[in-house]
Protein backbone atom coordinates (compact mmCIF):
# COMPACT_ATOMS: atom_id res chain seq x y z
CA UNK A 1 139.06 97.30 105.59
CA UNK A 2 135.59 96.29 104.45
CA UNK A 3 135.06 96.39 100.85
CA UNK A 4 132.74 98.65 98.93
CA UNK A 5 130.48 95.37 98.06
CA UNK A 6 130.63 94.55 101.94
CA UNK A 7 129.80 97.97 102.68
CA UNK A 8 126.74 98.27 99.97
CA UNK A 9 125.01 95.00 101.24
CA UNK A 10 125.59 96.60 104.92
CA UNK A 11 123.49 99.79 103.38
CA UNK A 12 120.98 97.74 102.15
CA UNK A 13 120.46 95.49 105.25
CA UNK A 14 120.59 98.54 107.73
CA UNK A 15 117.88 100.45 105.57
CA UNK A 16 115.65 97.24 105.73
CA UNK A 17 116.12 97.26 109.44
CA UNK A 18 116.05 100.23 110.87
CA UNK A 19 113.70 103.67 109.62
CA UNK A 20 117.31 106.13 108.69
CA UNK A 21 116.12 108.99 107.26
CA UNK A 22 119.43 111.25 106.59
CA UNK A 23 123.16 110.50 105.45
CA UNK A 24 124.21 111.54 108.54
CA UNK A 25 121.71 108.56 109.86
CA UNK A 26 123.13 105.74 107.86
CA UNK A 27 126.68 106.67 108.31
CA UNK A 28 126.21 106.79 111.77
CA UNK A 29 124.71 103.36 111.59
CA UNK A 30 127.57 101.68 109.42
CA UNK A 31 129.87 103.17 111.95
CA UNK A 32 127.55 101.48 115.06
CA UNK A 33 128.74 98.07 112.64
CA UNK A 34 132.61 98.94 112.36
CA UNK A 35 132.61 101.03 108.95
CA UNK A 36 134.82 103.92 108.82
CA UNK A 37 133.32 105.82 106.25
CA UNK A 38 132.29 109.65 105.54
CA UNK A 39 129.22 111.07 104.73
CA UNK A 40 130.39 111.93 100.97
CA UNK A 41 131.20 108.30 100.92
CA UNK A 42 127.67 107.66 102.05
CA UNK A 43 126.02 110.07 99.29
CA UNK A 44 127.64 108.16 96.51
CA UNK A 45 126.51 104.55 98.19
CA UNK A 46 123.41 106.02 98.50
CA UNK A 47 122.95 107.38 94.79
CA UNK A 48 125.04 104.15 93.02
CA UNK A 49 122.22 101.41 95.23
CA UNK A 50 119.26 103.69 93.93
CA UNK A 51 117.78 103.75 97.63
CA UNK A 52 114.70 105.78 97.82
CA UNK A 53 112.62 107.81 100.10
CA UNK A 54 109.59 106.32 101.08
CA UNK A 55 106.78 107.76 103.86
CA UNK A 56 107.38 104.76 106.72
CA UNK A 57 103.99 103.81 108.86
CA UNK A 58 105.68 106.67 111.32
CA UNK A 59 104.67 109.14 108.41
CA UNK A 60 108.43 110.01 108.16
CA UNK A 61 110.55 109.69 105.09
CA UNK A 62 113.34 107.02 105.69
CA UNK A 63 115.48 104.87 102.93
CA UNK A 64 114.78 101.99 101.28
CA UNK A 65 116.22 99.83 98.46
CA UNK A 66 115.13 100.82 94.83
CA UNK A 67 111.69 99.32 94.12
CA UNK A 68 110.65 99.01 97.82
CA UNK A 69 108.11 101.96 97.55
CA UNK A 70 106.54 101.65 94.33
CA UNK A 71 103.17 100.22 95.27
CA UNK A 72 103.05 102.85 98.55
CA UNK A 73 103.54 105.79 96.18
CA UNK A 74 101.18 104.79 93.30
CA UNK A 75 98.65 104.25 96.56
CA UNK A 76 99.02 107.44 97.92
CA UNK A 77 98.76 108.67 94.51
CA UNK A 78 95.55 107.01 93.73
CA UNK A 79 94.39 108.43 97.09
CA UNK A 80 95.23 111.95 96.21
CA UNK A 81 93.66 111.01 93.04
CA UNK A 82 90.10 110.58 94.62
CA UNK A 83 90.73 113.42 97.33
CA UNK A 84 91.73 116.44 94.62
CA UNK A 85 90.93 115.69 91.43
CA UNK A 86 87.60 116.67 89.74
CA UNK A 87 88.27 115.79 86.40
CA UNK A 88 90.67 114.96 83.54
CA UNK A 89 90.89 116.13 79.89
CA UNK A 90 93.72 115.86 77.26
CA UNK A 91 95.32 118.74 75.09
CA UNK A 92 98.12 117.53 72.73
CA UNK A 93 100.61 115.81 75.08
CA UNK A 94 99.23 117.36 78.02
CA UNK A 95 96.80 116.35 80.60
CA UNK A 96 94.65 118.67 82.24
CA UNK A 97 93.42 118.05 85.65
CA UNK A 98 91.08 120.04 87.42
CA UNK A 99 90.60 120.43 91.06
CA UNK A 100 88.89 122.09 93.74
CA UNK A 101 90.56 126.12 94.52
CA UNK A 102 93.60 124.95 96.57
CA UNK A 103 94.01 121.55 95.57
CA UNK A 104 95.92 121.59 92.69
CA UNK A 105 99.66 121.85 94.10
CA UNK A 106 98.89 118.95 96.56
CA UNK A 107 98.00 116.72 93.89
CA UNK A 108 101.03 117.79 91.59
CA UNK A 109 102.81 116.95 94.56
CA UNK A 110 101.58 113.70 95.11
CA UNK A 111 102.00 113.25 91.37
CA UNK A 112 105.75 114.24 91.21
CA UNK A 113 106.50 111.85 94.49
CA UNK A 114 104.92 109.12 92.99
CA UNK A 115 107.26 108.20 90.07
CA UNK A 116 104.51 107.78 87.60
CA UNK A 117 106.44 106.06 84.77
CA UNK A 118 104.33 107.98 82.11
CA UNK A 119 104.39 111.34 83.82
CA UNK A 120 107.26 113.34 82.70
CA UNK A 121 106.06 116.24 84.93
CA UNK A 122 103.58 119.11 86.38
CA UNK A 123 102.69 122.47 86.63
CA UNK A 124 100.23 123.26 89.16
CA UNK A 125 98.19 126.41 89.07
CA UNK A 126 95.25 127.20 91.84
CA UNK A 127 92.90 124.90 90.75
CA UNK A 128 94.76 123.38 87.38
CA UNK A 129 97.22 121.11 86.62
CA UNK A 130 99.11 120.65 83.56
CA UNK A 131 101.19 117.49 83.19
CA UNK A 132 103.26 116.33 80.65
CA UNK A 133 103.29 112.77 79.31
CA UNK A 134 106.49 111.48 78.67
CA UNK A 135 107.82 110.47 75.30
CA UNK A 136 105.60 107.66 73.28
CA UNK A 137 102.90 108.04 76.00
CA UNK A 138 99.66 108.77 74.33
CA UNK A 139 98.05 111.67 76.84
CA UNK A 140 94.79 110.15 76.14
CA UNK A 141 96.38 106.66 77.96
CA UNK A 142 97.76 108.99 80.80
CA UNK A 143 94.35 110.66 81.56
CA UNK A 144 92.76 107.10 81.51
CA UNK A 145 95.19 106.14 83.79
CA UNK A 146 94.74 108.84 86.44
CA UNK A 147 91.14 108.84 85.93
CA UNK A 148 90.83 105.63 86.79
CA UNK A 149 91.66 106.17 90.22
CA UNK A 150 88.49 108.83 90.47
CA UNK A 151 86.30 105.35 90.08
CA UNK A 152 87.92 102.96 92.35
CA UNK A 153 86.42 102.68 95.67
CA UNK A 154 82.88 104.32 94.75
CA UNK A 155 81.01 101.51 93.68
């Protein structure tokens, strides 16, 4: 009989060693190592461990230990800002981003997936995104952080 602590250790090791995308895959990997678990237990373990989904080199989203993908997610956000954003301005606690027609949604999704620590949420239209800054974060600071990506790599 394995303890919860041992199972958590095994999960962390498995997600570092293998590209596991679903709770079923994590459960199967645990079964192959002699752990008798059901999917509800795996689901709870994933939440307790704070596992995040990150994009593997293959393009697949896979589980990773907390913090593993932060740099990757922020790099992806920087790329999306350079690709889609035309301009930034503020209105109260909102940052308004303009994009070419049809590109607001992909950029908003990149913002949401980035887990940016100062973004509370986004609303996207056809060519405009409203970004709500988290409480205590001035919109001008968030605007400056995001617009900084526009000039990266252009020098």
